[in-house]
Amino acid sequence: MGKRGAVVWLTGLSGSGKTTVAHALADELTRAGHLAYVLDGDRLRDGLNADLGFTPADRAENIRRAGEVAALFADAGLVAIAAFISPYREGRDKARRAAGEELFLEVFLDTPIEECERRDVKGLYRRARAGEIAEFTGVSAPYEPPLSPDIHISAGSVEETVDRILGLLAERGVIA
């Protein structure tokens, strides 16, 4: 179809805005005539990764599988928008290698944990702090922030974030 694919990997704590940004980006790409698909943790854990828990090994395998799927989509000419906490640098690095350096954009949504907790409609942080959820990233499990993401977002609107991602996609020749 003459389109060049890519992987936009959104990482950050639960509640950082990954899914919101992912869907807004997909909408903008689709309006501009590009094929885009959002992969997120909930969607993959209900199907492909239903056999995985939340141990460090299972989290690593979850991200490995997500990275491979995203790379396949990019190879087919889609912009795969991966919205995953992806707490470990090693997992994100593997996803980058699967897609290829030029086709992988790591976007770090660096939202303070206090804001993530304020946005938490499911009450996950409250439950994690009460000890009801073990291995919860940012509370009882680690999050390793990216050392040099392609885009680092620490403030701004969803629209501004989407515009920055679109700008980098255009710079890399993925979109016009």
N, C-alpha and C. Protein backbone atom coordinates (compact mmCIF):
# COMPACT_ATOMS: atom_id res chain seq x y z
N MET A 1 0.82 -1.20 0.00
CA MET A 1 0.00 0.00 0.00
C MET A 1 0.86 1.26 0.00
N GLY A 2 2.17 1.08 -0.08
CA GLY A 2 3.05 2.23 -0.16
C GLY A 2 3.26 2.96 1.15
N LYS A 3 2.95 2.35 2.25
CA LYS A 3 3.13 2.99 3.55
C LYS A 3 4.31 2.37 4.26
N ARG A 4 5.00 3.18 5.01
CA ARG A 4 6.12 2.72 5.82
C ARG A 4 5.64 2.58 7.25
N GLY A 5 5.91 1.44 7.85
CA GLY A 5 5.47 1.19 9.21
C GLY A 5 6.47 1.67 10.24
N ALA A 6 6.02 1.65 11.49
CA ALA A 6 6.87 2.03 12.61
C ALA A 6 6.23 1.50 13.89
N VAL A 7 7.01 1.53 14.96
CA VAL A 7 6.51 1.21 16.29
C VAL A 7 6.69 2.45 17.15
N VAL A 8 5.58 2.93 17.69
CA VAL A 8 5.63 4.01 18.68
C VAL A 8 5.37 3.34 20.02
N TRP A 9 6.40 3.30 20.86
CA TRP A 9 6.33 2.59 22.14
C TRP A 9 6.14 3.60 23.25
N LEU A 10 4.93 3.63 23.82
CA LEU A 10 4.61 4.54 24.92
C LEU A 10 4.86 3.82 26.24
N THR A 11 5.69 4.38 27.08
CA THR A 11 6.01 3.78 28.37
C THR A 11 5.81 4.81 29.47
N GLY A 12 5.44 4.31 30.63
CA GLY A 12 5.22 5.16 31.80
C GLY A 12 4.39 4.38 32.81
N LEU A 13 4.22 4.95 33.96
CA LEU A 13 3.46 4.29 35.02
C LEU A 13 1.99 4.12 34.65
N SER A 14 1.31 3.25 35.36
CA SER A 14 -0.13 3.12 35.20
C SER A 14 -0.76 4.48 35.50
N GLY A 15 -1.60 4.96 34.60
CA GLY A 15 -2.24 6.26 34.78
C GLY A 15 -1.46 7.42 34.20
N SER A 16 -0.37 7.14 33.49
CA SER A 16 0.45 8.22 32.93
C SER A 16 -0.13 8.81 31.65
N GLY A 17 -1.12 8.16 31.07
CA GLY A 17 -1.75 8.68 29.86
C GLY A 17 -1.42 7.91 28.60
N LYS A 18 -0.79 6.76 28.73
CA LYS A 18 -0.36 5.99 27.56
C LYS A 18 -1.52 5.64 26.63
N THR A 19 -2.58 5.09 27.17
CA THR A 19 -3.70 4.65 26.34
C THR A 19 -4.41 5.85 25.72
N THR A 20 -4.57 6.92 26.47
CA THR A 20 -5.21 8.13 25.94
C THR A 20 -4.42 8.69 24.77
N VAL A 21 -3.11 8.80 24.94
CA VAL A 21 -2.25 9.30 23.86
C VAL A 21 -2.27 8.33 22.68
N ALA A 22 -2.23 7.03 22.97
CA ALA A 22 -2.21 6.02 21.90
C ALA A 22 -3.44 6.15 21.00
N HIS A 23 -4.60 6.27 21.59
CA HIS A 23 -5.82 6.36 20.78
C HIS A 23 -5.92 7.70 20.04
N ALA A 24 -5.49 8.77 20.67
CA ALA A 24 -5.49 10.07 19.99
C ALA A 24 -4.52 10.05 18.81
N LEU A 25 -3.36 9.43 18.99
CA LEU A 25 -2.38 9.31 17.90
C LEU A 25 -2.94 8.44 16.78
N ALA A 26 -3.55 7.32 17.12
CA ALA A 26 -4.14 6.45 16.10
C ALA A 26 -5.21 7.20 15.31
N ASP A 27 -6.02 7.98 15.99
CA ASP A 27 -7.06 8.76 15.30
C ASP A 27 -6.44 9.74 14.31
N GLU A 28 -5.40 10.44 14.73
CA GLU A 28 -4.74 11.41 13.84
C GLU A 28 -4.09 10.73 12.64
N LEU A 29 -3.43 9.62 12.89
CA LEU A 29 -2.80 8.89 11.79
C LEU A 29 -3.84 8.37 10.80
N THR A 30 -4.93 7.84 11.31
CA THR A 30 -6.00 7.33 10.44
C THR A 30 -6.61 8.45 9.61
N ARG A 31 -6.85 9.60 10.24
CA ARG A 31 -7.40 10.75 9.50
C ARG A 31 -6.47 11.17 8.36
N ALA A 32 -5.16 10.98 8.58
CA ALA A 32 -4.17 11.37 7.56
C ALA A 32 -3.92 10.25 6.54
N GLY A 33 -4.66 9.15 6.64
CA GLY A 33 -4.54 8.08 5.65
C GLY A 33 -3.50 7.03 5.96
N HIS A 34 -3.09 6.91 7.21
CA HIS A 34 -2.10 5.91 7.59
C HIS A 34 -2.78 4.79 8.38
N LEU A 35 -2.29 3.58 8.20
CA LEU A 35 -2.81 2.46 8.96
C LEU A 35 -2.14 2.47 10.33
N ALA A 36 -2.96 2.41 11.38
CA ALA A 36 -2.43 2.43 12.74
C ALA A 36 -3.23 1.46 13.60
N TYR A 37 -2.54 0.88 14.58
CA TYR A 37 -3.22 -0.06 15.49
C TYR A 37 -2.63 0.12 16.88
N VAL A 38 -3.52 0.19 17.87
CA VAL A 38 -3.11 0.33 19.26
C VAL A 38 -3.01 -1.04 19.91
N LEU A 39 -1.85 -1.33 20.43
CA LEU A 39 -1.63 -2.51 21.26
C LEU A 39 -1.49 -2.03 22.69
N ASP A 40 -2.28 -2.59 23.59
CA ASP A 40 -2.10 -2.19 24.99
C ASP A 40 -2.13 -3.42 25.89
N GLY A 41 -1.66 -3.21 27.10
CA GLY A 41 -1.52 -4.30 28.04
C GLY A 41 -2.81 -5.05 28.30
N ASP A 42 -3.90 -4.32 28.51
CA ASP A 42 -5.18 -4.98 28.78
C ASP A 42 -5.60 -5.85 27.60
N ARG A 43 -5.46 -5.32 26.40
CA ARG A 43 -5.87 -6.05 25.20
C ARG A 43 -5.06 -7.34 25.01
N LEU A 44 -3.75 -7.25 25.19
CA LEU A 44 -2.92 -8.44 24.99
C LEU A 44 -3.03 -9.43 26.15
N ARG A 45 -3.22 -8.92 27.36
CA ARG A 45 -3.32 -9.83 28.51
C ARG A 45 -4.65 -10.59 28.52
N ASP A 46 -5.63 -10.12 27.80
CA ASP A 46 -6.90 -10.85 27.70
C ASP A 46 -6.83 -11.97 26.66
N GLY A 47 -5.82 -11.97 25.81
CA GLY A 47 -5.73 -12.97 24.74
C GLY A 47 -4.36 -13.59 24.66
N LEU A 48 -3.52 -13.03 23.81
CA LEU A 48 -2.20 -13.57 23.53
C LEU A 48 -1.40 -13.86 24.80
N ASN A 49 -1.50 -12.99 25.78
CA ASN A 49 -0.69 -13.12 26.99
C ASN A 49 -1.51 -13.52 28.22
N ALA A 50 -2.64 -14.16 28.00
CA ALA A 50 -3.51 -14.57 29.10
C ALA A 50 -2.84 -15.58 30.02
N ASP A 51 -1.82 -16.25 29.54
CA ASP A 51 -1.12 -17.26 30.35
C ASP A 51 -0.05 -16.66 31.26
N LEU A 52 0.11 -15.34 31.25
CA LEU A 52 1.17 -14.70 32.02
C LEU A 52 0.63 -13.98 33.25
N GLY A 53 1.42 -14.01 34.29
CA GLY A 53 1.09 -13.27 35.51
C GLY A 53 1.89 -11.98 35.57
N PHE A 54 2.25 -11.58 36.79
CA PHE A 54 2.95 -10.31 36.96
C PHE A 54 4.30 -10.46 37.67
N THR A 55 4.85 -11.67 37.62
CA THR A 55 6.21 -11.85 38.14
C THR A 55 7.17 -11.12 37.20
N PRO A 56 8.37 -10.82 37.65
CA PRO A 56 9.33 -10.19 36.74
C PRO A 56 9.53 -10.97 35.44
N ALA A 57 9.59 -12.29 35.52
CA ALA A 57 9.77 -13.11 34.30
C ALA A 57 8.55 -13.01 33.39
N ASP A 58 7.36 -13.04 33.97
CA ASP A 58 6.14 -12.92 33.16
C ASP A 58 6.02 -11.54 32.54
N ARG A 59 6.39 -10.51 33.28
CA ARG A 59 6.35 -9.15 32.73
C ARG A 59 7.31 -9.04 31.54
N ALA A 60 8.48 -9.63 31.69
CA ALA A 60 9.47 -9.59 30.61
C ALA A 60 8.93 -10.32 29.38
N GLU A 61 8.31 -11.46 29.56
CA GLU A 61 7.74 -12.22 28.44
C GLU A 61 6.58 -11.47 27.81
N ASN A 62 5.76 -10.81 28.61
CA ASN A 62 4.65 -10.01 28.10
C ASN A 62 5.17 -8.94 27.14
N ILE A 63 6.22 -8.25 27.54
CA ILE A 63 6.77 -7.18 26.71
C ILE A 63 7.50 -7.76 25.50
N ARG A 64 8.16 -8.89 25.66
CA ARG A 64 8.82 -9.52 24.50
C ARG A 64 7.80 -9.85 23.43
N ARG A 65 6.69 -10.47 23.83
CA ARG A 65 5.64 -10.82 22.86
C ARG A 65 5.04 -9.56 22.23
N ALA A 66 4.78 -8.56 23.04
CA ALA A 66 4.22 -7.31 22.52
C ALA A 66 5.17 -6.67 21.51
N GLY A 67 6.46 -6.69 21.82
CA GLY A 67 7.45 -6.13 20.90
C GLY A 67 7.50 -6.86 19.58
N GLU A 68 7.40 -8.18 19.63
CA GLU A 68 7.40 -8.97 18.40
C GLU A 68 6.16 -8.70 17.55
N VAL A 69 5.00 -8.61 18.20
CA VAL A 69 3.76 -8.31 17.47
C VAL A 69 3.84 -6.92 16.84
N ALA A 70 4.31 -5.94 17.62
CA ALA A 70 4.43 -4.58 17.10
C ALA A 70 5.37 -4.54 15.90
N ALA A 71 6.48 -5.27 15.98
CA ALA A 71 7.43 -5.31 14.86
C ALA A 71 6.80 -5.92 13.62
N LEU A 72 5.99 -6.95 13.79
CA LEU A 72 5.28 -7.56 12.65
C LEU A 72 4.33 -6.55 12.00
N PHE A 73 3.59 -5.83 12.83
CA PHE A 73 2.68 -4.81 12.30
C PHE A 73 3.44 -3.75 11.52
N ALA A 74 4.57 -3.29 12.09
CA ALA A 74 5.38 -2.27 11.41
C ALA A 74 5.90 -2.79 10.08
N ASP A 75 6.32 -4.05 10.07
CA ASP A 75 6.82 -4.66 8.84
C ASP A 75 5.73 -4.71 7.77
N ALA A 76 4.47 -4.81 8.20
CA ALA A 76 3.35 -4.85 7.26
C ALA A 76 2.90 -3.45 6.84
N GLY A 77 3.58 -2.40 7.33
CA GLY A 77 3.26 -1.04 6.91
C GLY A 77 2.34 -0.27 7.85
N LEU A 78 2.03 -0.82 9.00
CA LEU A 78 1.20 -0.14 9.98
C LEU A 78 2.08 0.63 10.95
N VAL A 79 1.50 1.65 11.56
CA VAL A 79 2.14 2.27 12.71
C VAL A 79 1.54 1.57 13.92
N ALA A 80 2.34 0.74 14.56
CA ALA A 80 1.92 0.03 15.75
C ALA A 80 2.18 0.94 16.94
N ILE A 81 1.13 1.24 17.69
CA ILE A 81 1.25 2.12 18.85
C ILE A 81 1.12 1.23 20.08
N ALA A 82 2.24 1.00 20.73
CA ALA A 82 2.29 0.08 21.87
C ALA A 82 2.23 0.88 23.16
N ALA A 83 1.16 0.69 23.93
CA ALA A 83 0.96 1.40 25.19
C ALA A 83 1.11 0.41 26.34
N PHE A 84 2.32 0.33 26.87
CA PHE A 84 2.64 -0.64 27.92
C PHE A 84 3.46 0.05 29.01
N ILE A 85 3.19 -0.30 30.26
CA ILE A 85 4.05 0.20 31.32
C ILE A 85 5.48 -0.18 30.99
N SER A 86 5.69 -1.41 30.56
CA SER A 86 7.02 -1.94 30.20
C SER A 86 8.08 -1.44 31.18
N PRO A 87 8.05 -1.98 32.40
CA PRO A 87 8.86 -1.42 33.48
C PRO A 87 10.37 -1.60 33.36
N TYR A 88 10.82 -2.53 32.53
CA TYR A 88 12.26 -2.82 32.47
C TYR A 88 12.88 -2.31 31.18
N ARG A 89 14.01 -1.64 31.29
CA ARG A 89 14.73 -1.14 30.11
C ARG A 89 15.07 -2.27 29.15
N GLU A 90 15.47 -3.41 29.69
CA GLU A 90 15.86 -4.53 28.84
C GLU A 90 14.72 -4.95 27.91
N GLY A 91 13.50 -4.97 28.42
CA GLY A 91 12.35 -5.34 27.60
C GLY A 91 12.10 -4.33 26.49
N ARG A 92 12.21 -3.05 26.83
CA ARG A 92 12.02 -2.01 25.80
C ARG A 92 13.14 -2.08 24.78
N ASP A 93 14.35 -2.38 25.22
CA ASP A 93 15.47 -2.52 24.28
C ASP A 93 15.25 -3.70 23.33
N LYS A 94 14.71 -4.79 23.83
CA LYS A 94 14.41 -5.95 22.97
C LYS A 94 13.34 -5.57 21.94
N ALA A 95 12.33 -4.83 22.36
CA ALA A 95 11.28 -4.39 21.43
C ALA A 95 11.89 -3.50 20.35
N ARG A 96 12.82 -2.65 20.73
CA ARG A 96 13.50 -1.77 19.76
C ARG A 96 14.28 -2.62 18.75
N ARG A 97 14.99 -3.61 19.24
CA ARG A 97 15.77 -4.48 18.33
C ARG A 97 14.85 -5.25 17.40
N ALA A 98 13.69 -5.70 17.89
CA ALA A 98 12.75 -6.46 17.05
C ALA A 98 12.25 -5.60 15.89
N ALA A 99 11.97 -4.33 16.16
CA ALA A 99 11.44 -3.44 15.11
C ALA A 99 12.55 -2.86 14.24
N GLY A 100 13.72 -2.67 14.83
CA GLY A 100 14.80 -1.99 14.13
C GLY A 100 14.89 -0.56 14.62
N GLU A 101 16.09 -0.09 14.81
CA GLU A 101 16.34 1.23 15.42
C GLU A 101 15.58 2.36 14.73
N GLU A 102 15.61 2.39 13.41
CA GLU A 102 15.00 3.50 12.67
C GLU A 102 13.47 3.50 12.75
N LEU A 103 12.89 2.32 12.95
CA LEU A 103 11.42 2.22 12.96
C LEU A 103 10.82 2.23 14.37
N PHE A 104 11.64 2.44 15.40
CA PHE A 104 11.17 2.37 16.78
C PHE A 104 11.30 3.73 17.44
N LEU A 105 10.21 4.22 17.98
CA LEU A 105 10.22 5.50 18.70
C LEU A 105 9.77 5.24 20.12
N GLU A 106 10.65 5.46 21.07
CA GLU A 106 10.31 5.29 22.48
C GLU A 106 9.85 6.64 23.03
N VAL A 107 8.62 6.65 23.57
CA VAL A 107 8.03 7.87 24.12
C VAL A 107 7.79 7.63 25.61
N PHE A 108 8.47 8.40 26.44
CA PHE A 108 8.35 8.26 27.89
C PHE A 108 7.39 9.30 28.43
N LEU A 109 6.26 8.83 28.94
CA LEU A 109 5.28 9.71 29.58
C LEU A 109 5.65 9.76 31.06
N ASP A 110 6.40 10.77 31.40
CA ASP A 110 6.99 10.94 32.73
C ASP A 110 6.03 11.71 33.64
N THR A 111 4.95 11.04 33.99
CA THR A 111 3.92 11.63 34.83
C THR A 111 4.21 11.30 36.29
N PRO A 112 4.21 12.30 37.16
CA PRO A 112 4.47 12.02 38.58
C PRO A 112 3.47 11.00 39.14
N ILE A 113 3.96 10.16 40.04
CA ILE A 113 3.12 9.11 40.59
C ILE A 113 1.88 9.69 41.28
N GLU A 114 2.00 10.86 41.87
CA GLU A 114 0.85 11.48 42.53
C GLU A 114 -0.26 11.76 41.52
N GLU A 115 0.11 12.22 40.34
CA GLU A 115 -0.88 12.47 39.28
C GLU A 115 -1.46 11.15 38.77
N CYS A 116 -0.62 10.14 38.63
CA CYS A 116 -1.11 8.82 38.20
C CYS A 116 -2.12 8.28 39.19
N GLU A 117 -1.84 8.45 40.46
CA GLU A 117 -2.78 7.98 41.49
C GLU A 117 -4.07 8.79 41.46
N ARG A 118 -3.98 10.07 41.21
CA ARG A 118 -5.18 10.92 41.12
C ARG A 118 -6.09 10.47 39.96
N ARG A 119 -5.48 10.03 38.86
CA ARG A 119 -6.22 9.61 37.67
C ARG A 119 -6.74 8.18 37.77
N ASP A 120 -6.37 7.44 38.78
CA ASP A 120 -6.60 6.00 38.88
C ASP A 120 -8.07 5.67 39.15
N VAL A 121 -8.85 5.54 38.08
CA VAL A 121 -10.29 5.25 38.24
C VAL A 121 -10.55 3.82 38.70
N LYS A 122 -9.61 2.92 38.47
CA LYS A 122 -9.80 1.51 38.88
C LYS A 122 -9.40 1.26 40.33
N GLY A 123 -8.77 2.24 40.97
CA GLY A 123 -8.35 2.08 42.36
C GLY A 123 -7.16 1.15 42.53
N LEU A 124 -6.36 0.98 41.48
CA LEU A 124 -5.23 0.04 41.55
C LEU A 124 -4.15 0.50 42.52
N TYR A 125 -3.83 1.79 42.51
CA TYR A 125 -2.80 2.28 43.42
C TYR A 125 -3.26 2.12 44.87
N ARG A 126 -4.51 2.46 45.16
CA ARG A 126 -5.05 2.31 46.51
C ARG A 126 -4.94 0.86 46.95
N ARG A 127 -5.33 -0.05 46.07
CA ARG A 127 -5.27 -1.48 46.40
C ARG A 127 -3.82 -1.94 46.57
N ALA A 128 -2.92 -1.44 45.73
CA ALA A 128 -1.51 -1.83 45.86
C ALA A 128 -0.93 -1.32 47.17
N ARG A 129 -1.26 -0.10 47.55
CA ARG A 129 -0.75 0.47 48.80
C ARG A 129 -1.34 -0.25 50.01
N ALA A 130 -2.54 -0.83 49.84
CA ALA A 130 -3.17 -1.59 50.93
C ALA A 130 -2.67 -3.03 50.97
N GLY A 131 -1.79 -3.40 50.03
CA GLY A 131 -1.24 -4.74 49.99
C GLY A 131 -2.11 -5.76 49.29
N GLU A 132 -3.17 -5.30 48.62
CA GLU A 132 -4.08 -6.20 47.93
C GLU A 132 -3.55 -6.63 46.56
N ILE A 133 -2.65 -5.84 45.98
CA ILE A 133 -2.05 -6.16 44.68
C ILE A 133 -0.54 -6.22 44.89
N ALA A 134 0.01 -7.40 44.67
CA ALA A 134 1.46 -7.56 44.78
C ALA A 134 2.13 -7.17 43.47
N GLU A 135 3.38 -6.79 43.54
CA GLU A 135 4.18 -6.49 42.35
C GLU A 135 3.53 -5.42 41.47
N PHE A 136 3.07 -4.32 42.09
CA PHE A 136 2.47 -3.23 41.32
C PHE A 136 3.54 -2.19 41.01
N THR A 137 3.76 -1.95 39.73
CA THR A 137 4.82 -1.05 39.27
C THR A 137 4.66 0.34 39.88
N GLY A 138 5.75 0.83 40.44
CA GLY A 138 5.77 2.15 41.04
C GLY A 138 5.47 2.14 42.52
N VAL A 139 4.87 1.04 43.01
CA VAL A 139 4.54 0.93 44.43
C VAL A 139 5.37 -0.19 45.05
N SER A 140 5.15 -1.42 44.60
CA SER A 140 5.87 -2.56 45.17
C SER A 140 6.73 -3.28 44.13
N ALA A 141 6.79 -2.76 42.94
CA ALA A 141 7.64 -3.30 41.88
C ALA A 141 8.31 -2.11 41.18
N PRO A 142 9.51 -2.32 40.67
CA PRO A 142 10.28 -1.19 40.10
C PRO A 142 9.79 -0.76 38.73
N TYR A 143 10.11 0.49 38.41
CA TYR A 143 9.97 1.01 37.05
C TYR A 143 11.32 1.65 36.71
N GLU A 144 11.92 1.18 35.63
CA GLU A 144 13.19 1.73 35.18
C GLU A 144 12.92 2.72 34.05
N PRO A 145 12.99 4.02 34.34
CA PRO A 145 12.70 5.00 33.29
C PRO A 145 13.72 4.92 32.17
N PRO A 146 13.29 5.24 30.96
CA PRO A 146 14.24 5.24 29.83
C PRO A 146 15.39 6.22 30.09
N LEU A 147 16.57 5.84 29.65
CA LEU A 147 17.74 6.69 29.82
C LEU A 147 17.81 7.76 28.74
N SER A 148 17.39 7.40 27.52
CA SER A 148 17.41 8.38 26.42
C SER A 148 16.27 8.08 25.45
N PRO A 149 15.03 8.36 25.88
CA PRO A 149 13.90 8.11 24.99
C PRO A 149 13.94 9.05 23.79
N ASP A 150 13.28 8.64 22.73
CA ASP A 150 13.19 9.51 21.55
C ASP A 150 12.40 10.77 21.86
N ILE A 151 11.39 10.62 22.72
CA ILE A 151 10.59 11.76 23.18
C ILE A 151 10.35 11.58 24.67
N HIS A 152 10.60 12.63 25.43
CA HIS A 152 10.37 12.64 26.88
C HIS A 152 9.30 13.68 27.16
N ILE A 153 8.16 13.21 27.65
CA ILE A 153 7.03 14.10 27.94
C ILE A 153 6.88 14.21 29.45
N SER A 154 7.05 15.41 29.98
CA SER A 154 6.84 15.61 31.41
C SER A 154 5.71 16.59 31.68
N ALA A 155 5.20 17.21 30.65
CA ALA A 155 4.07 18.14 30.78
C ALA A 155 3.49 18.37 29.39
N GLY A 156 2.28 18.88 29.36
CA GLY A 156 1.65 19.20 28.08
C GLY A 156 0.37 18.43 27.89
N SER A 157 -0.38 18.86 26.91
CA SER A 157 -1.67 18.25 26.62
C SER A 157 -1.49 17.00 25.75
N VAL A 158 -2.57 16.25 25.64
CA VAL A 158 -2.57 15.09 24.76
C VAL A 158 -2.27 15.54 23.33
N GLU A 159 -2.88 16.64 22.91
CA GLU A 159 -2.69 17.14 21.55
C GLU A 159 -1.23 17.52 21.30
N GLU A 160 -0.60 18.17 22.27
CA GLU A 160 0.80 18.55 22.12
C GLU A 160 1.70 17.31 22.04
N THR A 161 1.37 16.31 22.85
CA THR A 161 2.14 15.06 22.82
C THR A 161 2.00 14.38 21.47
N VAL A 162 0.77 14.29 20.96
CA VAL A 162 0.52 13.68 19.65
C VAL A 162 1.27 14.46 18.57
N ASP A 163 1.26 15.77 18.63
CA ASP A 163 1.97 16.58 17.63
C ASP A 163 3.47 16.31 17.66
N ARG A 164 4.04 16.14 18.83
CA ARG A 164 5.49 15.83 18.92
C ARG A 164 5.79 14.47 18.30
N ILE A 165 4.92 13.50 18.56
CA ILE A 165 5.13 12.16 17.98
C ILE A 165 4.98 12.21 16.47
N LEU A 166 3.96 12.90 15.98
CA LEU A 166 3.76 13.03 14.54
C LEU A 166 4.96 13.71 13.89
N GLY A 167 5.51 14.70 14.57
CA GLY A 167 6.69 15.39 14.04
C GLY A 167 7.88 14.46 13.89
N LEU A 168 8.10 13.60 14.87
CA LEU A 168 9.21 12.66 14.78
C LEU A 168 8.95 11.58 13.73
N LEU A 169 7.70 11.16 13.60
CA LEU A 169 7.36 10.20 12.54
C LEU A 169 7.61 10.81 11.17
N ALA A 170 7.29 12.08 11.01
CA ALA A 170 7.54 12.76 9.74
C ALA A 170 9.06 12.92 9.50
N GLU A 171 9.78 13.27 10.55
CA GLU A 171 11.24 13.43 10.45
C GLU A 171 11.90 12.13 10.01
N ARG A 172 11.36 11.01 10.46
CA ARG A 172 11.93 9.71 10.11
C ARG A 172 11.37 9.15 8.81
N GLY A 173 10.51 9.91 8.15
CA GLY A 173 10.00 9.48 6.85
C GLY A 173 8.90 8.45 6.90
N VAL A 174 8.29 8.27 8.06
CA VAL A 174 7.19 7.30 8.18
C VAL A 174 5.89 7.91 7.65
N ILE A 175 5.69 9.20 7.92
CA ILE A 175 4.51 9.89 7.40
C ILE A 175 4.99 11.15 6.67
N ALA A 176 4.12 11.67 5.83
CA ALA A 176 4.47 12.87 5.07
C ALA A 176 4.25 14.12 5.89
